[in-house]
C-alpha atoms as a PDB file:
ATOM      1  CA  UNK A   1      66.246  10.618-162.648  1.00  0.00           C
ATOM      2  CA  UNK A   2      67.630  10.816-159.103  1.00  0.00           C
ATOM      3  CA  UNK A   3      64.169  11.211-157.757  1.00  0.00           C
ATOM      4  CA  UNK A   4      63.075   7.880-159.353  1.00  0.00           C
ATOM      5  CA  UNK A   5      66.112   6.000-157.887  1.00  0.00           C
ATOM      6  CA  UNK A   6      65.366   7.622-154.528  1.00  0.00           C
ATOM      7  CA  UNK A   7      61.699   6.487-154.736  1.00  0.00           C
ATOM      8  CA  UNK A   8      62.635   2.895-155.712  1.00  0.00           C
ATOM      9  CA  UNK A   9      65.173   2.832-152.799  1.00  0.00           C
ATOM     10  CA  UNK A  10      62.528   3.972-150.344  1.00  0.00           C
ATOM     11  CA  UNK A  11      60.058   1.262-151.527  1.00  0.00           C
ATOM     12  CA  UNK A  12      62.649  -1.485-151.233  1.00  0.00           C
ATOM     13  CA  UNK A  13      63.620  -0.390-147.656  1.00  0.00           C
ATOM     14  CA  UNK A  14      59.961  -0.253-146.662  1.00  0.00           C
ATOM     15  CA  UNK A  15      59.307  -3.777-148.050  1.00  0.00           C
ATOM     16  CA  UNK A  16      62.401  -5.159-146.247  1.00  0.00           C
ATOM     17  CA  UNK A  17      61.201  -3.548-142.942  1.00  0.00           C
ATOM     18  CA  UNK A  18      57.744  -4.951-143.349  1.00  0.00           C
ATOM     19  CA  UNK A  19      59.042  -8.486-144.061  1.00  0.00           C
ATOM     20  CA  UNK A  20      61.250  -8.272-141.021  1.00  0.00           C
ATOM     21  CA  UNK A  21      58.243  -7.225-138.954  1.00  0.00           C
ATOM     22  CA  UNK A  22      56.350 -10.311-140.191  1.00  0.00           C
ATOM     23  CA  UNK A  23      59.264 -12.619-139.316  1.00  0.00           C
ATOM     24  CA  UNK A  24      59.510 -11.111-135.838  1.00  0.00           C
ATOM     25  CA  UNK A  25      55.654 -11.521-135.336  1.00  0.00           C
ATOM     26  CA  UNK A  26      55.805 -15.223-136.395  1.00  0.00           C
ATOM     27  CA  UNK A  27      58.777 -15.922-134.098  1.00  0.00           C
ATOM     28  CA  UNK A  28      57.233 -14.242-131.196  1.00  0.00           C
ATOM     29  CA  UNK A  29      53.922 -16.095-131.355  1.00  0.00           C
ATOM     30  CA  UNK A  30      52.735 -19.298-129.809  1.00  0.00           C
ATOM     31  CA  UNK A  31      53.623 -22.639-131.608  1.00  0.00           C
ATOM     32  CA  UNK A  32      51.719 -25.915-131.043  1.00  0.00           C
ATOM     33  CA  UNK A  33      53.902 -28.994-131.613  1.00  0.00           C
ATOM     34  CA  UNK A  34      52.367 -32.510-131.250  1.00  0.00           C
ATOM     35  CA  UNK A  35      54.250 -35.623-130.146  1.00  0.00           C
ATOM     36  CA  UNK A  36      52.071 -37.562-132.558  1.00  0.00           C
ATOM     37  CA  UNK A  37      49.187 -36.580-134.867  1.00  0.00           C
ATOM     38  CA  UNK A  38      47.874 -40.043-135.816  1.00  0.00           C
ATOM     39  CA  UNK A  39      46.742 -42.771-133.454  1.00  0.00           C
ATOM     40  CA  UNK A  40      45.730 -46.261-134.680  1.00  0.00           C
ATOM     41  CA  UNK A  41      43.480 -48.179-132.259  1.00  0.00           C
ATOM     42  CA  UNK A  42      43.970 -51.364-134.184  1.00  0.00           C
ATOM     43  CA  UNK A  43      40.990 -53.785-133.875  1.00  0.00           C
ATOM     44  CA  UNK A  44      38.486 -52.876-131.203  1.00  0.00           C
ATOM     45  CA  UNK A  45      35.310 -54.671-130.221  1.00  0.00           C
ATOM     46  CA  UNK A  46      32.020 -52.724-130.448  1.00  0.00           C
ATOM     47  CA  UNK A  47      30.827 -54.613-127.334  1.00  0.00           C
ATOM     48  CA  UNK A  48      33.670 -53.130-125.251  1.00  0.00           C
ATOM     49  CA  UNK A  49      32.290 -49.558-125.653  1.00  0.00           C
ATOM     50  CA  UNK A  50      34.149 -46.224-125.950  1.00  0.00           C
ATOM     51  CA  UNK A  51      37.906 -45.887-126.448  1.00  0.00           C
ATOM     52  CA  UNK A  52      40.093 -42.790-125.834  1.00  0.00           C
ATOM     53  CA  UNK A  53      43.536 -41.474-126.737  1.00  0.00           C
ATOM     54  CA  UNK A  54      45.444 -38.426-125.490  1.00  0.00           C
ATOM     55  CA  UNK A  55      47.298 -36.403-127.990  1.00  0.00           C
ATOM     56  CA  UNK A  56      50.106 -34.405-126.198  1.00  0.00           C
ATOM     57  CA  UNK A  57      51.562 -31.121-127.470  1.00  0.00           C
ATOM     58  CA  UNK A  58      54.064 -28.542-126.377  1.00  0.00           C
ATOM     59  CA  UNK A  59      54.119 -24.805-126.813  1.00  0.00           C
ATOM     60  CA  UNK A  60      57.407 -24.131-128.582  1.00  0.00           C
ATOM     61  CA  UNK A  61      56.608 -20.458-129.227  1.00  0.00           C
ATOM     62  CA  UNK A  62      57.342 -17.355-127.245  1.00  0.00           C
ATOM     63  CA  UNK A  63      53.788 -16.483-126.308  1.00  0.00           C
ATOM     64  CA  UNK A  64      51.254 -18.341-124.177  1.00  0.00           C
ATOM     65  CA  UNK A  65      49.430 -20.932-126.241  1.00  0.00           C
ATOM     66  CA  UNK A  66      45.548 -20.929-126.038  1.00  0.00           C
ATOM     67  CA  UNK A  67      43.435 -23.748-127.595  1.00  0.00           C
ATOM     68  CA  UNK A  68      40.278 -22.048-128.757  1.00  0.00           C
ATOM     69  CA  UNK A  69      38.323 -24.922-130.158  1.00  0.00           C
ATOM     70  CA  UNK A  70      38.536 -28.620-131.206  1.00  0.00           C
ATOM     71  CA  UNK A  71      36.013 -30.237-133.534  1.00  0.00           C
ATOM     72  CA  UNK A  72      35.620 -33.845-134.691  1.00  0.00           C
ATOM     73  CA  UNK A  73      34.518 -34.825-138.203  1.00  0.00           C
ATOM     74  CA  UNK A  74      31.772 -37.047-136.611  1.00  0.00           C
ATOM     75  CA  UNK A  75      29.449 -36.844-133.695  1.00  0.00           C
ATOM     76  CA  UNK A  76      30.742 -40.275-132.515  1.00  0.00           C
ATOM     77  CA  UNK A  77      34.074 -38.561-131.651  1.00  0.00           C
ATOM     78  CA  UNK A  78      34.315 -36.095-128.757  1.00  0.00           C
ATOM     79  CA  UNK A  79      37.496 -34.073-128.080  1.00  0.00           C
ATOM     80  CA  UNK A  80      38.400 -32.500-124.710  1.00  0.00           C
ATOM     81  CA  UNK A  81      41.396 -30.190-124.373  1.00  0.00           C
ATOM     82  CA  UNK A  82      43.461 -28.050-122.038  1.00  0.00           C
ATOM     83  CA  UNK A  83      41.448 -24.863-121.477  1.00  0.00           C
ATOM     84  CA  UNK A  84      44.060 -22.709-119.515  1.00  0.00           C
ATOM     85  CA  UNK A  85      46.869 -20.761-121.414  1.00  0.00           C
ATOM     86  CA  UNK A  86      49.969 -22.892-121.829  1.00  0.00           C
ATOM     87  CA  UNK A  87      53.295 -21.094-121.208  1.00  0.00           C
ATOM     88  CA  UNK A  88      56.451 -21.475-123.326  1.00  0.00           C
ATOM     89  CA  UNK A  89      58.073 -24.911-123.001  1.00  0.00           C
ATOM     90  CA  UNK A  90      54.894 -26.299-121.184  1.00  0.00           C
ATOM     91  CA  UNK A  91      52.545 -29.017-122.573  1.00  0.00           C
ATOM     92  CA  UNK A  92      48.858 -29.582-123.021  1.00  0.00           C
ATOM     93  CA  UNK A  93      46.642 -32.232-124.351  1.00  0.00           C
ATOM     94  CA  UNK A  94      43.735 -33.125-126.593  1.00  0.00           C
ATOM     95  CA  UNK A  95      41.890 -36.219-125.330  1.00  0.00           C
ATOM     96  CA  UNK A  96      39.785 -37.880-128.097  1.00  0.00           C
ATOM     97  CA  UNK A  97      37.011 -40.311-127.161  1.00  0.00           C
ATOM     98  CA  UNK A  98      35.450 -42.445-129.869  1.00  0.00           C
ATOM     99  CA  UNK A  99      32.118 -44.403-129.586  1.00  0.00           C
ATOM    100  CA  UNK A 100      32.139 -47.509-131.846  1.00  0.00           C
ATOM    101  CA  UNK A 101      28.443 -48.317-131.389  1.00  0.00           C
ATOM    102  CA  UNK A 102      26.749 -49.208-134.691  1.00  0.00           C
ATOM    103  CA  UNK A 103      29.950 -48.413-136.719  1.00  0.00           C
ATOM    104  CA  UNK A 104      31.319 -51.791-137.630  1.00  0.00           C
ATOM    105  CA  UNK A 105      34.212 -51.912-140.019  1.00  0.00           C
ATOM    106  CA  UNK A 106      37.136 -49.573-140.755  1.00  0.00           C
ATOM    107  CA  UNK A 107      36.992 -45.956-139.366  1.00  0.00           C
ATOM    108  CA  UNK A 108      39.188 -42.858-139.589  1.00  0.00           C
ATOM    109  CA  UNK A 109      38.164 -39.585-137.861  1.00  0.00           C
ATOM    110  CA  UNK A 110      39.796 -36.135-137.943  1.00  0.00           C
ATOM    111  CA  UNK A 111      39.924 -33.597-135.115  1.00  0.00           C
ATOM    112  CA  UNK A 112      40.553 -29.932-136.167  1.00  0.00           C
ATOM    113  CA  UNK A 113      42.119 -27.791-133.544  1.00  0.00           C
ATOM    114  CA  UNK A 114      41.982 -24.007-133.578  1.00  0.00           C
ATOM    115  CA  UNK A 115      44.462 -21.955-131.447  1.00  0.00           C
ATOM    116  CA  UNK A 116      46.486 -18.819-131.416  1.00  0.00           C
ATOM    117  CA  UNK A 117      49.598 -20.680-132.605  1.00  0.00           C
ATOM    118  CA  UNK A 118      51.486 -20.243-135.825  1.00  0.00           C
ATOM    119  CA  UNK A 119      49.188 -21.439-138.668  1.00  0.00           C
ATOM    120  CA  UNK A 120      46.265 -21.413-136.175  1.00  0.00           C
ATOM    121  CA  UNK A 121      44.894 -24.732-137.516  1.00  0.00           C
ATOM    122  CA  UNK A 122      46.217 -28.112-136.478  1.00  0.00           C
ATOM    123  CA  UNK A 123      44.803 -31.638-137.068  1.00  0.00           C
ATOM    124  CA  UNK A 124      45.039 -35.004-135.417  1.00  0.00           C
ATOM    125  CA  UNK A 125      43.602 -38.289-136.647  1.00  0.00           C
ATOM    126  CA  UNK A 126      42.344 -41.600-135.099  1.00  0.00           C
ATOM    127  CA  UNK A 127      41.700 -44.760-136.956  1.00  0.00           C
ATOM    128  CA  UNK A 128      41.035 -48.465-136.486  1.00  0.00           C
ATOM    129  CA  UNK A 129      38.743 -51.387-137.203  1.00  0.00           C
ATOM    130  CA  UNK A 130      35.628 -52.159-135.271  1.00  0.00           C
ATOM    131  CA  UNK A 131      34.690 -55.840-134.707  1.00  0.00           C
ATOM    132  CA  UNK A 132      30.822 -55.921-134.434  1.00  0.00           C
ATOM    133  CA  UNK A 133      29.012 -57.511-131.632  1.00  0.00           C
ATOM    134  CA  UNK A 134      26.558 -60.438-132.181  1.00  0.00           C
ATOM    135  CA  UNK A 135      23.461 -58.221-131.627  1.00  0.00           C
ATOM    136  CA  UNK A 136      24.847 -55.670-134.020  1.00  0.00           C
ATOM    137  CA  UNK A 137      25.237 -58.438-136.682  1.00  0.00           C
ATOM    138  CA  UNK A 138      21.626 -59.484-136.127  1.00  0.00           C
ATOM    139  CA  UNK A 139      20.344 -55.926-136.417  1.00  0.00           C
ATOM    140  CA  UNK A 140      22.465 -55.255-139.408  1.00  0.00           C
ATOM    141  CA  UNK A 141      21.090 -58.462-141.173  1.00  0.00           C
ATOM    142  CA  UNK A 142      17.535 -57.689-140.352  1.00  0.00           C
ATOM    143  CA  UNK A 143      17.846 -54.131-141.496  1.00  0.00           C
ATOM    144  CA  UNK A 144      19.531 -55.263-144.762  1.00  0.00           C
ATOM    145  CA  UNK A 145      16.811 -57.889-145.299  1.00  0.00           C
ATOM    146  CA  UNK A 146      13.839 -55.554-144.617  1.00  0.00           C
ATOM    147  CA  UNK A 147      15.166 -52.550-146.595  1.00  0.00           C
ATOM    148  CA  UNK A 148      15.128 -54.582-149.815  1.00  0.00           C
ATOM    149  CA  UNK A 149      11.324 -54.752-149.671  1.00  0.00           C
ATOM    150  CA  UNK A 150       9.242 -51.971-151.071  1.00  0.00           C
ATOM    151  CA  UNK A 151       5.561 -51.184-150.210  1.00  0.00           C
ATOM    152  CA  UNK A 152       4.400 -52.806-153.503  1.00  0.00           C
ATOM    153  CA  UNK A 153       6.188 -56.064-152.545  1.00  0.00           C
ATOM    154  CA  UNK A 154       4.324 -56.212-149.229  1.00  0.00           C
ATOM    155  CA  UNK A 155       0.988 -55.527-150.890  1.00  0.00           C
ATOM    156  CA  UNK A 156       1.651 -58.229-153.491  1.00  0.00           C
ATOM    157  CA  UNK A 157       2.728 -60.647-150.713  1.00  0.00           C
ATOM    158  CA  UNK A 158      -0.436 -60.014-148.664  1.00  0.00           C
ATOM    159  CA  UNK A 159      -2.592 -60.421-151.835  1.00  0.00           C
ATOM    160  CA  UNK A 160      -0.821 -63.700-152.710  1.00  0.00           C
ATOM    161  CA  UNK A 161      -1.428 -65.050-149.108  1.00  0.00           C
ATOM    162  CA  UNK A 162      -5.127 -64.199-149.355  1.00  0.00           C
ATOM    163  CA  UNK A 163      -5.447 -65.960-152.770  1.00  0.00           C
ATOM    164  CA  UNK A 164      -3.674 -68.963-151.523  1.00  0.00           C
ATOM    165  CA  UNK A 165      -5.838 -69.091-148.389  1.00  0.00           C
ATOM    166  CA  UNK A 166      -9.047 -68.918-150.441  1.00  0.00           C
ATOM    167  CA  UNK A 167      -7.679 -71.592-152.886  1.00  0.00           C
ATOM    168  CA  UNK A 168      -6.888 -74.010-149.988  1.00  0.00           C
ATOM    169  CA  UNK A 169     -10.241 -73.298-148.337  1.00  0.00           C
ATOM    170  CA  UNK A 170     -12.120 -74.090-151.615  1.00  0.00           C
ATOM    171  CA  UNK A 171     -10.023 -77.239-152.243  1.00  0.00           C
ATOM    172  CA  UNK A 172     -10.447 -78.746-148.831  1.00  0.00           C
ATOM    173  CA  UNK A 173     -14.155 -77.622-148.610  1.00  0.00           C
ATOM    174  CA  UNK A 174     -14.823 -79.326-151.988  1.00  0.00           C
ATOM    175  CA  UNK A 175     -13.136 -82.435-150.884  1.00  0.00           C
ATOM    176  CA  UNK A 176     -15.223 -82.638-147.630  1.00  0.00           C
ATOM    177  CA  UNK A 177     -18.383 -82.002-149.600  1.00  0.00           C
ATOM    178  CA  UNK A 178     -17.657 -84.864-152.069  1.00  0.00           C
ATOM    179  CA  UNK A 179     -17.117 -87.218-149.138  1.00  0.00           C
ATOM    180  CA  UNK A 180     -20.553 -86.255-147.693  1.00  0.00           C
ATOM    181  CA  UNK A 181     -22.196 -86.728-151.147  1.00  0.00           C
ATOM    182  CA  UNK A 182     -20.764 -90.255-151.405  1.00  0.00           C
ATOM    183  CA  UNK A 183     -22.131 -91.099-147.950  1.00  0.00           C
ATOM    184  CA  UNK A 184     -25.517 -89.862-148.930  1.00  0.00           C
ATOM    185  CA  UNK A 185     -25.506 -91.882-152.198  1.00  0.00           C
ATOM    186  CA  UNK A 186     -24.639 -95.107-150.267  1.00  0.00           C
ATOM    187  CA  UNK A 187     -27.444 -94.561-147.778  1.00  0.00           C
ATOM    188  CA  UNK A 188     -29.918 -93.940-150.686  1.00  0.00           C
ATOM    189  CA  UNK A 189     -28.855 -97.267-152.292  1.00  0.00           C
ATOM    190  CA  UNK A 190     -29.512 -99.092-149.062  1.00  0.00           C
ATOM    191  CA  UNK A 191     -33.033 -97.528-148.770  1.00  0.00           C
ATOM    192  CA  UNK A 192     -33.790 -98.583-152.427  1.00  0.00           C
ATOM    193  CA  UNK A 193     -32.714-102.138-151.814  1.00  0.00           C
ATOM    194  CA  UNK A 194     -35.043-102.425-148.783  1.00  0.00           C
ATOM    195  CA  UNK A 195     -38.003-101.215-150.787  1.00  0.00           C
ATOM    196  CA  UNK A 196     -37.397-103.793-153.475  1.00  0.00           C
ATOM    197  CA  UNK A 197     -37.304-106.593-150.938  1.00  0.00           C
ATOM    198  CA  UNK A 198     -40.792-105.529-149.684  1.00  0.00           C
END
């Protein structure tokens, strides 16, 4: 019985030591803390081109912080970041550049940051509304108008134009012919009257 209590005691002491080791590891690692994680650009104009925002962060851990990667949820958003190790108490940045071309309307993009900090994954977000340019409106309208037509619609349309053209040609050709016939009849009548006089 004493052996069982002894064994249970050893297990509890081992678990406690292991958890203390984990706490010590977490407390000794780097820690990325952002000033803000969401930036709202508000309303921006597509014609004005790219916009950028800098997300600043501080290493509040006890080890140097290294940003390993930063990836955006869309190819229209490009992140740049501090590449050198950031010492305790020092700051770094993630600069996010967004291209509003051909993206009229409301947008929201996420940038996922991988580092050696506690939790390893951090995320920042940008959002806003894009006011389209005049040329973009025209392209959008043209695209919307043309994409509603199928190949069969185009074939039917061309066939209809051909039928209408043939119909008009026959109608106006017949009309012109009837006028010529009338002219011939009148000339024949004149010839007949001259013969009777003789």
